[in-house]
Amino acid sequence: MVGAIAVAAVVQVLVALGLHAWGRWVARRRGGGRGWRRAAWAPLVAVVLSIFGMIVPAVMLVRAFDGIANVDPAMKATVLAENISAAMNATALFAVPSTLLYLASIVAFAIGSLMKPR
C-alpha cells in the first residue's frame, strides 16, 4: 500500500511540474503579466493539497484503529465508523480544491495557449 501511495504521489508531482512548465510558457507568451505568472503556480499548490489529502487520512485511519483498543466492545463499531467517516471527510476536504485547481490550470493554460502572443 505504501508503494502505491508513493507511485501516486510521484505521478501527481510529475503532472504538476508539467502543468507548471506549461503555465510558465503561457505567462512568457502573454507578456509575463502577474495573473499569468500566479496561475502558473496553481498546479504546484494543487499537488501539495493532493499530498496532504493522502497523508492526513492515512494518519487519521491509523489513529482510528489504534484508538478502538481501549473502547468498550459494544461501542467499537460505532467509534470506528465515526473515525473512518472523519478520515474520508478529510480526503474530500483536500481532494475537491486540488481537483478544481488542476482543472482551472488546464483551462487557463489552454486559453492562454490559443490566444495570440503579445
PDB file of N, CA and C in Angstrom:
ATOM      1  N   MET A   1       0.815  -1.191   0.000  1.00  0.00           N
ATOM      2  CA  MET A   1       0.000   0.000   0.000  1.00  0.00           C
ATOM      3  C   MET A   1       0.863   1.262   0.000  1.00  0.00           C
ATOM      4  N   VAL A   2       1.944   1.233   0.723  1.00  0.00           N
ATOM      5  CA  VAL A   2       2.835   2.388   0.767  1.00  0.00           C
ATOM      6  C   VAL A   2       3.429   2.634  -0.619  1.00  0.00           C
ATOM      7  N   GLY A   3       3.738   1.557  -1.324  1.00  0.00           N
ATOM      8  CA  GLY A   3       4.283   1.700  -2.675  1.00  0.00           C
ATOM      9  C   GLY A   3       3.295   2.357  -3.615  1.00  0.00           C
ATOM     10  N   ALA A   4       2.035   1.972  -3.514  1.00  0.00           N
ATOM     11  CA  ALA A   4       1.002   2.574  -4.367  1.00  0.00           C
ATOM     12  C   ALA A   4       0.835   4.052  -4.056  1.00  0.00           C
ATOM     13  N   ILE A   5       0.890   4.404  -2.791  1.00  0.00           N
ATOM     14  CA  ILE A   5       0.783   5.813  -2.413  1.00  0.00           C
ATOM     15  C   ILE A   5       1.983   6.594  -2.934  1.00  0.00           C
ATOM     16  N   ALA A   6       3.168   5.994  -2.847  1.00  0.00           N
ATOM     17  CA  ALA A   6       4.370   6.660  -3.348  1.00  0.00           C
ATOM     18  C   ALA A   6       4.294   6.865  -4.860  1.00  0.00           C
ATOM     19  N   VAL A   7       3.824   5.857  -5.578  1.00  0.00           N
ATOM     20  CA  VAL A   7       3.686   5.986  -7.034  1.00  0.00           C
ATOM     21  C   VAL A   7       2.679   7.080  -7.366  1.00  0.00           C
ATOM     22  N   ALA A   8       1.558   7.095  -6.653  1.00  0.00           N
ATOM     23  CA  ALA A   8       0.540   8.129  -6.885  1.00  0.00           C
ATOM     24  C   ALA A   8       1.106   9.521  -6.628  1.00  0.00           C
ATOM     25  N   ALA A   9       1.899   9.656  -5.575  1.00  0.00           N
ATOM     26  CA  ALA A   9       2.493  10.953  -5.259  1.00  0.00           C
ATOM     27  C   ALA A   9       3.474  11.380  -6.340  1.00  0.00           C
ATOM     28  N   VAL A  10       4.292  10.448  -6.829  1.00  0.00           N
ATOM     29  CA  VAL A  10       5.269  10.768  -7.875  1.00  0.00           C
ATOM     30  C   VAL A  10       4.560  11.188  -9.159  1.00  0.00           C
ATOM     31  N   VAL A  11       3.503  10.463  -9.526  1.00  0.00           N
ATOM     32  CA  VAL A  11       2.747  10.819 -10.731  1.00  0.00           C
ATOM     33  C   VAL A  11       2.125  12.205 -10.574  1.00  0.00           C
ATOM     34  N   GLN A  12       1.564  12.484  -9.411  1.00  0.00           N
ATOM     35  CA  GLN A  12       0.982  13.800  -9.160  1.00  0.00           C
ATOM     36  C   GLN A  12       2.034  14.898  -9.293  1.00  0.00           C
ATOM     37  N   VAL A  13       3.212  14.677  -8.738  1.00  0.00           N
ATOM     38  CA  VAL A  13       4.272  15.682  -8.803  1.00  0.00           C
ATOM     39  C   VAL A  13       4.702  15.901 -10.247  1.00  0.00           C
ATOM     40  N   LEU A  14       4.848  14.829 -11.016  1.00  0.00           N
ATOM     41  CA  LEU A  14       5.253  14.971 -12.419  1.00  0.00           C
ATOM     42  C   LEU A  14       4.200  15.722 -13.233  1.00  0.00           C
ATOM     43  N   VAL A  15       2.941  15.412 -13.009  1.00  0.00           N
ATOM     44  CA  VAL A  15       1.862  16.129 -13.709  1.00  0.00           C
ATOM     45  C   VAL A  15       1.880  17.608 -13.321  1.00  0.00           C
ATOM     46  N   ALA A  16       2.033  17.883 -12.035  1.00  0.00           N
ATOM     47  CA  ALA A  16       2.050  19.270 -11.570  1.00  0.00           C
ATOM     48  C   ALA A  16       3.242  20.034 -12.147  1.00  0.00           C
ATOM     49  N   LEU A  17       4.400  19.391 -12.211  1.00  0.00           N
ATOM     50  CA  LEU A  17       5.569  20.059 -12.794  1.00  0.00           C
ATOM     51  C   LEU A  17       5.369  20.333 -14.275  1.00  0.00           C
ATOM     52  N   GLY A  18       4.757  19.396 -14.970  1.00  0.00           N
ATOM     53  CA  GLY A  18       4.457  19.616 -16.385  1.00  0.00           C
ATOM     54  C   GLY A  18       3.477  20.765 -16.582  1.00  0.00           C
ATOM     55  N   LEU A  19       2.434  20.804 -15.768  1.00  0.00           N
ATOM     56  CA  LEU A  19       1.478  21.905 -15.855  1.00  0.00           C
ATOM     57  C   LEU A  19       2.117  23.238 -15.475  1.00  0.00           C
ATOM     58  N   HIS A  20       2.999  23.210 -14.491  1.00  0.00           N
ATOM     59  CA  HIS A  20       3.704  24.434 -14.084  1.00  0.00           C
ATOM     60  C   HIS A  20       4.567  24.948 -15.232  1.00  0.00           C
ATOM     61  N   ALA A  21       5.273  24.048 -15.910  1.00  0.00           N
ATOM     62  CA  ALA A  21       6.102  24.450 -17.053  1.00  0.00           C
ATOM     63  C   ALA A  21       5.226  25.040 -18.161  1.00  0.00           C
ATOM     64  N   TRP A  22       4.085  24.409 -18.411  1.00  0.00           N
ATOM     65  CA  TRP A  22       3.158  24.930 -19.417  1.00  0.00           C
ATOM     66  C   TRP A  22       2.678  26.324 -19.009  1.00  0.00           C
ATOM     67  N   GLY A  23       2.348  26.498 -17.741  1.00  0.00           N
ATOM     68  CA  GLY A  23       1.897  27.792 -17.247  1.00  0.00           C
ATOM     69  C   GLY A  23       2.960  28.869 -17.364  1.00  0.00           C
ATOM     70  N   ARG A  24       4.191  28.520 -17.095  1.00  0.00           N
ATOM     71  CA  ARG A  24       5.285  29.490 -17.249  1.00  0.00           C
ATOM     72  C   ARG A  24       5.459  29.872 -18.704  1.00  0.00           C
ATOM     73  N   TRP A  25       5.331  28.891 -19.609  1.00  0.00           N
ATOM     74  CA  TRP A  25       5.431  29.165 -21.042  1.00  0.00           C
ATOM     75  C   TRP A  25       4.317  30.122 -21.478  1.00  0.00           C
ATOM     76  N   VAL A  26       3.091  29.858 -21.000  1.00  0.00           N
ATOM     77  CA  VAL A  26       1.958  30.726 -21.328  1.00  0.00           C
ATOM     78  C   VAL A  26       2.205  32.129 -20.773  1.00  0.00           C
ATOM     79  N   ALA A  27       2.721  32.227 -19.555  1.00  0.00           N
ATOM     80  CA  ALA A  27       2.972  33.536 -18.943  1.00  0.00           C
ATOM     81  C   ALA A  27       3.992  34.326 -19.759  1.00  0.00           C
ATOM     82  N   ARG A  28       5.061  33.674 -20.192  1.00  0.00           N
ATOM     83  CA  ARG A  28       6.062  34.361 -21.023  1.00  0.00           C
ATOM     84  C   ARG A  28       5.444  34.782 -22.355  1.00  0.00           C
ATOM     85  N   ARG A  29       4.628  33.914 -22.923  1.00  0.00           N
ATOM     86  CA  ARG A  29       3.997  34.186 -24.217  1.00  0.00           C
ATOM     87  C   ARG A  29       2.990  35.335 -24.109  1.00  0.00           C
ATOM     88  N   ARG A  30       2.356  35.462 -22.970  1.00  0.00           N
ATOM     89  CA  ARG A  30       1.361  36.504 -22.755  1.00  0.00           C
ATOM     90  C   ARG A  30       1.977  37.787 -22.206  1.00  0.00           C
ATOM     91  N   GLY A  31       3.267  37.896 -22.183  1.00  0.00           N
ATOM     92  CA  GLY A  31       3.927  39.126 -21.759  1.00  0.00           C
ATOM     93  C   GLY A  31       4.298  39.166 -20.292  1.00  0.00           C
ATOM     94  N   GLY A  32       4.185  38.060 -19.598  1.00  0.00           N
ATOM     95  CA  GLY A  32       4.635  37.987 -18.206  1.00  0.00           C
ATOM     96  C   GLY A  32       3.756  38.718 -17.218  1.00  0.00           C
ATOM     97  N   GLY A  33       2.473  38.855 -17.508  1.00  0.00           N
ATOM     98  CA  GLY A  33       1.563  39.516 -16.571  1.00  0.00           C
ATOM     99  C   GLY A  33       1.491  38.783 -15.242  1.00  0.00           C
ATOM    100  N   ARG A  34       1.191  39.543 -14.189  1.00  0.00           N
ATOM    101  CA  ARG A  34       1.147  38.942 -12.849  1.00  0.00           C
ATOM    102  C   ARG A  34       0.133  37.818 -12.746  1.00  0.00           C
ATOM    103  N   GLY A  35      -1.020  37.991 -13.368  1.00  0.00           N
ATOM    104  CA  GLY A  35      -2.058  36.960 -13.302  1.00  0.00           C
ATOM    105  C   GLY A  35      -1.603  35.647 -13.909  1.00  0.00           C
ATOM    106  N   TRP A  36      -0.937  35.724 -15.044  1.00  0.00           N
ATOM    107  CA  TRP A  36      -0.457  34.502 -15.697  1.00  0.00           C
ATOM    108  C   TRP A  36       0.677  33.865 -14.903  1.00  0.00           C
ATOM    109  N   ARG A  37       1.551  34.700 -14.336  1.00  0.00           N
ATOM    110  CA  ARG A  37       2.641  34.139 -13.526  1.00  0.00           C
ATOM    111  C   ARG A  37       2.092  33.456 -12.269  1.00  0.00           C
ATOM    112  N   ARG A  38       1.075  34.043 -11.672  1.00  0.00           N
ATOM    113  CA  ARG A  38       0.460  33.425 -10.494  1.00  0.00           C
ATOM    114  C   ARG A  38      -0.284  32.154 -10.860  1.00  0.00           C
ATOM    115  N   ALA A  39      -0.945  32.156 -11.995  1.00  0.00           N
ATOM    116  CA  ALA A  39      -1.686  30.971 -12.442  1.00  0.00           C
ATOM    117  C   ALA A  39      -0.744  29.791 -12.664  1.00  0.00           C
ATOM    118  N   ALA A  40       0.487  30.076 -13.046  1.00  0.00           N
ATOM    119  CA  ALA A  40       1.458  29.006 -13.279  1.00  0.00           C
ATOM    120  C   ALA A  40       1.764  28.227 -12.003  1.00  0.00           C
ATOM    121  N   TRP A  41       1.554  28.850 -10.845  1.00  0.00           N
ATOM    122  CA  TRP A  41       1.825  28.184  -9.573  1.00  0.00           C
ATOM    123  C   TRP A  41       0.655  27.340  -9.068  1.00  0.00           C
ATOM    124  N   ALA A  42      -0.507  27.472  -9.674  1.00  0.00           N
ATOM    125  CA  ALA A  42      -1.696  26.744  -9.225  1.00  0.00           C
ATOM    126  C   ALA A  42      -1.496  25.224  -9.221  1.00  0.00           C
ATOM    127  N   PRO A  43      -0.853  24.623 -10.247  1.00  0.00           N
ATOM    128  CA  PRO A  43      -0.666  23.169 -10.193  1.00  0.00           C
ATOM    129  C   PRO A  43       0.222  22.711  -9.030  1.00  0.00           C
ATOM    130  N   LEU A  44       1.176  23.541  -8.648  1.00  0.00           N
ATOM    131  CA  LEU A  44       2.040  23.159  -7.525  1.00  0.00           C
ATOM    132  C   LEU A  44       1.283  23.239  -6.201  1.00  0.00           C
ATOM    133  N   VAL A  45       0.396  24.208  -6.085  1.00  0.00           N
ATOM    134  CA  VAL A  45      -0.471  24.275  -4.902  1.00  0.00           C
ATOM    135  C   VAL A  45      -1.385  23.051  -4.886  1.00  0.00           C
ATOM    136  N   ALA A  46      -1.880  22.678  -6.061  1.00  0.00           N
ATOM    137  CA  ALA A  46      -2.770  21.511  -6.159  1.00  0.00           C
ATOM    138  C   ALA A  46      -2.056  20.233  -5.741  1.00  0.00           C
ATOM    139  N   VAL A  47      -0.799  20.079  -6.120  1.00  0.00           N
ATOM    140  CA  VAL A  47      -0.084  18.856  -5.750  1.00  0.00           C
ATOM    141  C   VAL A  47       0.182  18.810  -4.246  1.00  0.00           C
ATOM    142  N   VAL A  48       0.431  19.953  -3.646  1.00  0.00           N
ATOM    143  CA  VAL A  48       0.619  19.981  -2.197  1.00  0.00           C
ATOM    144  C   VAL A  48      -0.682  19.574  -1.503  1.00  0.00           C
ATOM    145  N   LEU A  49      -1.809  20.090  -1.979  1.00  0.00           N
ATOM    146  CA  LEU A  49      -3.101  19.690  -1.422  1.00  0.00           C
ATOM    147  C   LEU A  49      -3.353  18.200  -1.621  1.00  0.00           C
ATOM    148  N   SER A  50      -2.967  17.677  -2.780  1.00  0.00           N
ATOM    149  CA  SER A  50      -3.162  16.249  -3.048  1.00  0.00           C
ATOM    150  C   SER A  50      -2.338  15.383  -2.100  1.00  0.00           C
ATOM    151  N   ILE A  51      -1.114  15.784  -1.882  1.00  0.00           N
ATOM    152  CA  ILE A  51      -0.250  15.000  -0.995  1.00  0.00           C
ATOM    153  C   ILE A  51      -0.770  15.050   0.438  1.00  0.00           C
ATOM    154  N   PHE A  52      -1.211  16.232   0.890  1.00  0.00           N
ATOM    155  CA  PHE A  52      -1.838  16.305   2.203  1.00  0.00           C
ATOM    156  C   PHE A  52      -3.110  15.467   2.230  1.00  0.00           C
ATOM    157  N   GLY A  53      -3.814  15.435   1.108  1.00  0.00           N
ATOM    158  CA  GLY A  53      -5.018  14.636   1.006  1.00  0.00           C
ATOM    159  C   GLY A  53      -4.767  13.148   1.078  1.00  0.00           C
ATOM    160  N   MET A  54      -3.541  12.723   0.835  1.00  0.00           N
ATOM    161  CA  MET A  54      -3.179  11.314   1.007  1.00  0.00           C
ATOM    162  C   MET A  54      -2.638  11.036   2.402  1.00  0.00           C
ATOM    163  N   ILE A  55      -1.893  11.976   2.950  1.00  0.00           N
ATOM    164  CA  ILE A  55      -1.231  11.757   4.238  1.00  0.00           C
ATOM    165  C   ILE A  55      -2.197  11.887   5.418  1.00  0.00           C
ATOM    166  N   VAL A  56      -2.978  12.950   5.431  1.00  0.00           N
ATOM    167  CA  VAL A  56      -3.862  13.220   6.572  1.00  0.00           C
ATOM    168  C   VAL A  56      -4.849  12.074   6.818  1.00  0.00           C
ATOM    169  N   PRO A  57      -5.575  11.594   5.799  1.00  0.00           N
ATOM    170  CA  PRO A  57      -6.494  10.476   6.065  1.00  0.00           C
ATOM    171  C   PRO A  57      -5.776   9.202   6.497  1.00  0.00           C
ATOM    172  N   ALA A  58      -4.589   8.948   5.950  1.00  0.00           N
ATOM    173  CA  ALA A  58      -3.844   7.759   6.355  1.00  0.00           C
ATOM    174  C   ALA A  58      -3.505   7.825   7.846  1.00  0.00           C
ATOM    175  N   VAL A  59      -3.056   8.978   8.297  1.00  0.00           N
ATOM    176  CA  VAL A  59      -2.736   9.156   9.718  1.00  0.00           C
ATOM    177  C   VAL A  59      -4.011   9.030  10.558  1.00  0.00           C
ATOM    178  N   MET A  60      -5.092   9.609  10.068  1.00  0.00           N
ATOM    179  CA  MET A  60      -6.360   9.524  10.811  1.00  0.00           C
ATOM    180  C   MET A  60      -6.851   8.080  10.908  1.00  0.00           C
ATOM    181  N   LEU A  61      -6.679   7.297   9.853  1.00  0.00           N
ATOM    182  CA  LEU A  61      -7.114   5.897   9.896  1.00  0.00           C
ATOM    183  C   LEU A  61      -6.256   5.075  10.851  1.00  0.00           C
ATOM    184  N   VAL A  62      -4.953   5.327  10.864  1.00  0.00           N
ATOM    185  CA  VAL A  62      -4.081   4.625  11.809  1.00  0.00           C
ATOM    186  C   VAL A  62      -4.507   4.944  13.234  1.00  0.00           C
ATOM    187  N   ARG A  63      -4.775   6.206  13.498  1.00  0.00           N
ATOM    188  CA  ARG A  63      -5.227   6.592  14.842  1.00  0.00           C
ATOM    189  C   ARG A  63      -6.587   5.991  15.170  1.00  0.00           C
ATOM    190  N   ALA A  64      -7.445   5.873  14.162  1.00  0.00           N
ATOM    191  CA  ALA A  64      -8.774   5.289  14.385  1.00  0.00           C
ATOM    192  C   ALA A  64      -8.652   3.842  14.838  1.00  0.00           C
ATOM    193  N   PHE A  65      -7.798   3.078  14.166  1.00  0.00           N
ATOM    194  CA  PHE A  65      -7.651   1.676  14.535  1.00  0.00           C
ATOM    195  C   PHE A  65      -6.887   1.502  15.835  1.00  0.00           C
ATOM    196  N   ASP A  66      -5.947   2.401  16.122  1.00  0.00           N
ATOM    197  CA  ASP A  66      -5.260   2.357  17.416  1.00  0.00           C
ATOM    198  C   ASP A  66      -6.204   2.759  18.546  1.00  0.00           C
ATOM    199  N   GLY A  67      -7.103   3.686  18.265  1.00  0.00           N
ATOM    200  CA  GLY A  67      -7.983   4.231  19.296  1.00  0.00           C
ATOM    201  C   GLY A  67      -9.077   3.293  19.763  1.00  0.00           C
ATOM    202  N   ILE A  68      -9.409   2.282  18.972  1.00  0.00           N
ATOM    203  CA  ILE A  68     -10.501   1.399  19.395  1.00  0.00           C
ATOM    204  C   ILE A  68     -10.039   0.315  20.358  1.00  0.00           C
ATOM    205  N   ALA A  69      -8.749   0.259  20.640  1.00  0.00           N
ATOM    206  CA  ALA A  69      -8.229  -0.765  21.545  1.00  0.00           C
ATOM    207  C   ALA A  69      -8.772  -0.595  22.963  1.00  0.00           C
ATOM    208  N   ASN A  70      -8.984   0.625  23.388  1.00  0.00           N
ATOM    209  CA  ASN A  70      -9.415   0.894  24.762  1.00  0.00           C
ATOM    210  C   ASN A  70     -10.898   1.231  24.869  1.00  0.00           C
ATOM    211  N   VAL A  71     -11.660   0.963  23.807  1.00  0.00           N
ATOM    212  CA  VAL A  71     -13.079   1.306  23.800  1.00  0.00           C
ATOM    213  C   VAL A  71     -13.897   0.079  24.199  1.00  0.00           C
ATOM    214  N   ASP A  72     -15.026   0.335  24.833  1.00  0.00           N
ATOM    215  CA  ASP A  72     -15.960  -0.720  25.200  1.00  0.00           C
ATOM    216  C   ASP A  72     -16.320  -1.533  23.948  1.00  0.00           C
ATOM    217  N   PRO A  73     -16.264  -2.873  24.023  1.00  0.00           N
ATOM    218  CA  PRO A  73     -16.538  -3.699  22.837  1.00  0.00           C
ATOM    219  C   PRO A  73     -17.882  -3.407  22.176  1.00  0.00           C
ATOM    220  N   ALA A  74     -18.868  -2.988  22.909  1.00  0.00           N
ATOM    221  CA  ALA A  74     -20.168  -2.681  22.320  1.00  0.00           C
ATOM    222  C   ALA A  74     -20.126  -1.406  21.477  1.00  0.00           C
ATOM    223  N   MET A  75     -19.138  -0.549  21.742  1.00  0.00           N
ATOM    224  CA  MET A  75     -19.034   0.736  21.040  1.00  0.00           C
ATOM    225  C   MET A  75     -17.966   0.750  19.957  1.00  0.00           C
ATOM    226  N   LYS A  76     -17.193  -0.342  19.817  1.00  0.00           N
ATOM    227  CA  LYS A  76     -16.075  -0.350  18.875  1.00  0.00           C
ATOM    228  C   LYS A  76     -16.509  -0.049  17.447  1.00  0.00           C
ATOM    229  N   ALA A  77     -17.575  -0.679  16.992  1.00  0.00           N
ATOM    230  CA  ALA A  77     -18.021  -0.472  15.612  1.00  0.00           C
ATOM    231  C   ALA A  77     -18.442   0.973  15.381  1.00  0.00           C
ATOM    232  N   THR A  78     -19.127   1.552  16.345  1.00  0.00           N
ATOM    233  CA  THR A  78     -19.594   2.934  16.209  1.00  0.00           C
ATOM    234  C   THR A  78     -18.424   3.906  16.180  1.00  0.00           C
ATOM    235  N   VAL A  79     -17.491   3.733  17.110  1.00  0.00           N
ATOM    236  CA  VAL A  79     -16.330   4.622  17.177  1.00  0.00           C
ATOM    237  C   VAL A  79     -15.483   4.486  15.913  1.00  0.00           C
ATOM    238  N   LEU A  80     -15.290   3.258  15.459  1.00  0.00           N
ATOM    239  CA  LEU A  80     -14.505   3.042  14.250  1.00  0.00           C
ATOM    240  C   LEU A  80     -15.185   3.676  13.039  1.00  0.00           C
ATOM    241  N   ALA A  81     -16.486   3.511  12.916  1.00  0.00           N
ATOM    242  CA  ALA A  81     -17.224   4.101  11.793  1.00  0.00           C
ATOM    243  C   ALA A  81     -17.136   5.624  11.809  1.00  0.00           C
ATOM    244  N   GLU A  82     -17.232   6.227  12.997  1.00  0.00           N
ATOM    245  CA  GLU A  82     -17.127   7.684  13.103  1.00  0.00           C
ATOM    246  C   GLU A  82     -15.738   8.168  12.697  1.00  0.00           C
ATOM    247  N   ASN A  83     -14.701   7.445  13.128  1.00  0.00           N
ATOM    248  CA  ASN A  83     -13.335   7.848  12.781  1.00  0.00           C
ATOM    249  C   ASN A  83     -13.039   7.657  11.291  1.00  0.00           C
ATOM    250  N   ILE A  84     -13.553   6.579  10.714  1.00  0.00           N
ATOM    251  CA  ILE A  84     -13.363   6.365   9.277  1.00  0.00           C
ATOM    252  C   ILE A  84     -14.102   7.447   8.491  1.00  0.00           C
ATOM    253  N   SER A  85     -15.283   7.809   8.946  1.00  0.00           N
ATOM    254  CA  SER A  85     -16.033   8.884   8.298  1.00  0.00           C
ATOM    255  C   SER A  85     -15.259  10.202   8.358  1.00  0.00           C
ATOM    256  N   ALA A  86     -14.653  10.502   9.488  1.00  0.00           N
ATOM    257  CA  ALA A  86     -13.858  11.724   9.613  1.00  0.00           C
ATOM    258  C   ALA A  86     -12.655  11.696   8.665  1.00  0.00           C
ATOM    259  N   ALA A  87     -12.026  10.541   8.516  1.00  0.00           N
ATOM    260  CA  ALA A  87     -10.887  10.423   7.600  1.00  0.00           C
ATOM    261  C   ALA A  87     -11.319  10.633   6.145  1.00  0.00           C
ATOM    262  N   MET A  88     -12.461  10.095   5.771  1.00  0.00           N
ATOM    263  CA  MET A  88     -12.945  10.271   4.403  1.00  0.00           C
ATOM    264  C   MET A  88     -13.372  11.714   4.144  1.00  0.00           C
ATOM    265  N   ASN A  89     -13.906  12.380   5.159  1.00  0.00           N
ATOM    266  CA  ASN A  89     -14.234  13.797   5.019  1.00  0.00           C
ATOM    267  C   ASN A  89     -12.970  14.628   4.841  1.00  0.00           C
ATOM    268  N   ALA A  90     -11.907  14.249   5.526  1.00  0.00           N
ATOM    269  CA  ALA A  90     -10.626  14.942   5.353  1.00  0.00           C
ATOM    270  C   ALA A  90     -10.104  14.744   3.933  1.00  0.00           C
ATOM    271  N   THR A  91     -10.307  13.559   3.375  1.00  0.00           N
ATOM    272  CA  THR A  91      -9.904  13.308   1.994  1.00  0.00           C
ATOM    273  C   THR A  91     -10.634  14.264   1.058  1.00  0.00           C
ATOM    274  N   ALA A  92     -11.935  14.395   1.242  1.00  0.00           N
ATOM    275  CA  ALA A  92     -12.719  15.292   0.385  1.00  0.00           C
ATOM    276  C   ALA A  92     -12.300  16.741   0.574  1.00  0.00           C
ATOM    277  N   LEU A  93     -11.945  17.106   1.796  1.00  0.00           N
ATOM    278  CA  LEU A  93     -11.527  18.471   2.083  1.00  0.00           C
ATOM    279  C   LEU A  93     -10.313  18.878   1.243  1.00  0.00           C
ATOM    280  N   PHE A  94      -9.416  17.938   0.994  1.00  0.00           N
ATOM    281  CA  PHE A  94      -8.229  18.226   0.197  1.00  0.00           C
ATOM    282  C   PHE A  94      -8.417  17.899  -1.282  1.00  0.00           C
ATOM    283  N   ALA A  95      -9.192  16.867  -1.597  1.00  0.00           N
ATOM    284  CA  ALA A  95      -9.325  16.411  -2.976  1.00  0.00           C
ATOM    285  C   ALA A  95     -10.110  17.384  -3.848  1.00  0.00           C
ATOM    286  N   VAL A  96     -11.163  17.965  -3.312  1.00  0.00           N
ATOM    287  CA  VAL A  96     -12.007  18.857  -4.115  1.00  0.00           C
ATOM    288  C   VAL A  96     -11.241  20.113  -4.544  1.00  0.00           C
ATOM    289  N   PRO A  97     -10.604  20.853  -3.639  1.00  0.00           N
ATOM    290  CA  PRO A  97      -9.853  22.035  -4.097  1.00  0.00           C
ATOM    291  C   PRO A  97      -8.690  21.667  -5.020  1.00  0.00           C
ATOM    292  N   SER A  98      -8.040  20.544  -4.753  1.00  0.00           N
ATOM    293  CA  SER A  98      -6.935  20.122  -5.595  1.00  0.00           C
ATOM    294  C   SER A  98      -7.408  19.859  -7.019  1.00  0.00           C
ATOM    295  N   THR A  99      -8.501  19.125  -7.155  1.00  0.00           N
ATOM    296  CA  THR A  99      -9.049  18.828  -8.478  1.00  0.00           C
ATOM    297  C   THR A  99      -9.474  20.103  -9.189  1.00  0.00           C
ATOM    298  N   LEU A 100     -10.120  21.009  -8.468  1.00  0.00           N
ATOM    299  CA  LEU A 100     -10.539  22.265  -9.078  1.00  0.00           C
ATOM    300  C   LEU A 100      -9.351  23.104  -9.543  1.00  0.00           C
ATOM    301  N   LEU A 101      -8.276  23.104  -8.770  1.00  0.00           N
ATOM    302  CA  LEU A 101      -7.078  23.843  -9.187  1.00  0.00           C
ATOM    303  C   LEU A 101      -6.450  23.231 -10.443  1.00  0.00           C
ATOM    304  N   TYR A 102      -6.397  21.904 -10.501  1.00  0.00           N
ATOM    305  CA  TYR A 102      -5.877  21.249 -11.706  1.00  0.00           C
ATOM    306  C   TYR A 102      -6.726  21.607 -12.925  1.00  0.00           C
ATOM    307  N   LEU A 103      -8.034  21.493 -12.778  1.00  0.00           N
ATOM    308  CA  LEU A 103      -8.922  21.793 -13.906  1.00  0.00           C
ATOM    309  C   LEU A 103      -8.833  23.257 -14.324  1.00  0.00           C
ATOM    310  N   ALA A 104      -8.808  24.159 -13.351  1.00  0.00           N
ATOM    311  CA  ALA A 104      -8.686  25.582 -13.663  1.00  0.00           C
ATOM    312  C   ALA A 104      -7.362  25.876 -14.363  1.00  0.00           C
ATOM    313  N   SER A 105      -6.290  25.205 -13.952  1.00  0.00           N
ATOM    314  CA  SER A 105      -4.994  25.391 -14.591  1.00  0.00           C
ATOM    315  C   SER A 105      -5.038  24.957 -16.047  1.00  0.00           C
ATOM    316  N   ILE A 106      -5.612  23.789 -16.282  1.00  0.00           N
ATOM    317  CA  ILE A 106      -5.678  23.274 -17.651  1.00  0.00           C
ATOM    318  C   ILE A 106      -6.493  24.208 -18.529  1.00  0.00           C
ATOM    319  N   VAL A 107      -7.637  24.662 -18.037  1.00  0.00           N
ATOM    320  CA  VAL A 107      -8.479  25.566 -18.826  1.00  0.00           C
ATOM    321  C   VAL A 107      -7.752  26.890 -19.080  1.00  0.00           C
ATOM    322  N   ALA A 108      -7.169  27.480 -18.043  1.00  0.00           N
ATOM    323  CA  ALA A 108      -6.471  28.762 -18.197  1.00  0.00           C
ATOM    324  C   ALA A 108      -5.291  28.642 -19.154  1.00  0.00           C
ATOM    325  N   PHE A 109      -4.513  27.578 -19.024  1.00  0.00           N
ATOM    326  CA  PHE A 109      -3.345  27.426 -19.883  1.00  0.00           C
ATOM    327  C   PHE A 109      -3.750  27.130 -21.326  1.00  0.00           C
ATOM    328  N   ALA A 110      -4.833  26.413 -21.510  1.00  0.00           N
ATOM    329  CA  ALA A 110      -5.318  26.147 -22.863  1.00  0.00           C
ATOM    330  C   ALA A 110      -5.782  27.442 -23.508  1.00  0.00           C
ATOM    331  N   ILE A 111      -6.519  28.263 -22.759  1.00  0.00           N
ATOM    332  CA  ILE A 111      -6.962  29.549 -23.293  1.00  0.00           C
ATOM    333  C   ILE A 111      -5.755  30.434 -23.591  1.00  0.00           C
ATOM    334  N   GLY A 112      -4.811  30.493 -22.663  1.00  0.00           N
ATOM    335  CA  GLY A 112      -3.605  31.295 -22.876  1.00  0.00           C
ATOM    336  C   GLY A 112      -2.776  30.820 -24.056  1.00  0.00           C
ATOM    337  N   SER A 113      -2.788  29.514 -24.309  1.00  0.00           N
ATOM    338  CA  SER A 113      -2.040  28.973 -25.451  1.00  0.00           C
ATOM    339  C   SER A 113      -2.704  29.320 -26.775  1.00  0.00           C
ATOM    340  N   LEU A 114      -4.023  29.414 -26.765  1.00  0.00           N
ATOM    341  CA  LEU A 114      -4.759  29.674 -28.007  1.00  0.00           C
ATOM    342  C   LEU A 114      -4.805  31.165 -28.354  1.00  0.00           C
ATOM    343  N   MET A 115      -4.572  32.015 -27.376  1.00  0.00           N
ATOM    344  CA  MET A 115      -4.589  33.466 -27.644  1.00  0.00           C
ATOM    345  C   MET A 115      -3.335  33.857 -28.395  1.00  0.00           C
ATOM    346  N   LYS A 116      -3.443  34.973 -29.130  1.00  0.00           N
ATOM    347  CA  LYS A 116      -2.284  35.491 -29.865  1.00  0.00           C
ATOM    348  C   LYS A 116      -1.206  35.921 -28.873  1.00  0.00           C
ATOM    349  N   PRO A 117       0.059  35.677 -29.208  1.00  0.00           N
ATOM    350  CA  PRO A 117       1.128  36.145 -28.317  1.00  0.00           C
ATOM    351  C   PRO A 117       1.221  37.666 -28.348  1.00  0.00           C
ATOM    352  N   ARG A 118       1.717  38.213 -27.248  1.00  0.00           N
ATOM    353  CA  ARG A 118       1.901  39.680 -27.186  1.00  0.00           C
ATOM    354  C   ARG A 118       3.198  40.075 -27.798  1.00  0.00           C
TER     355      ARG A 118
END
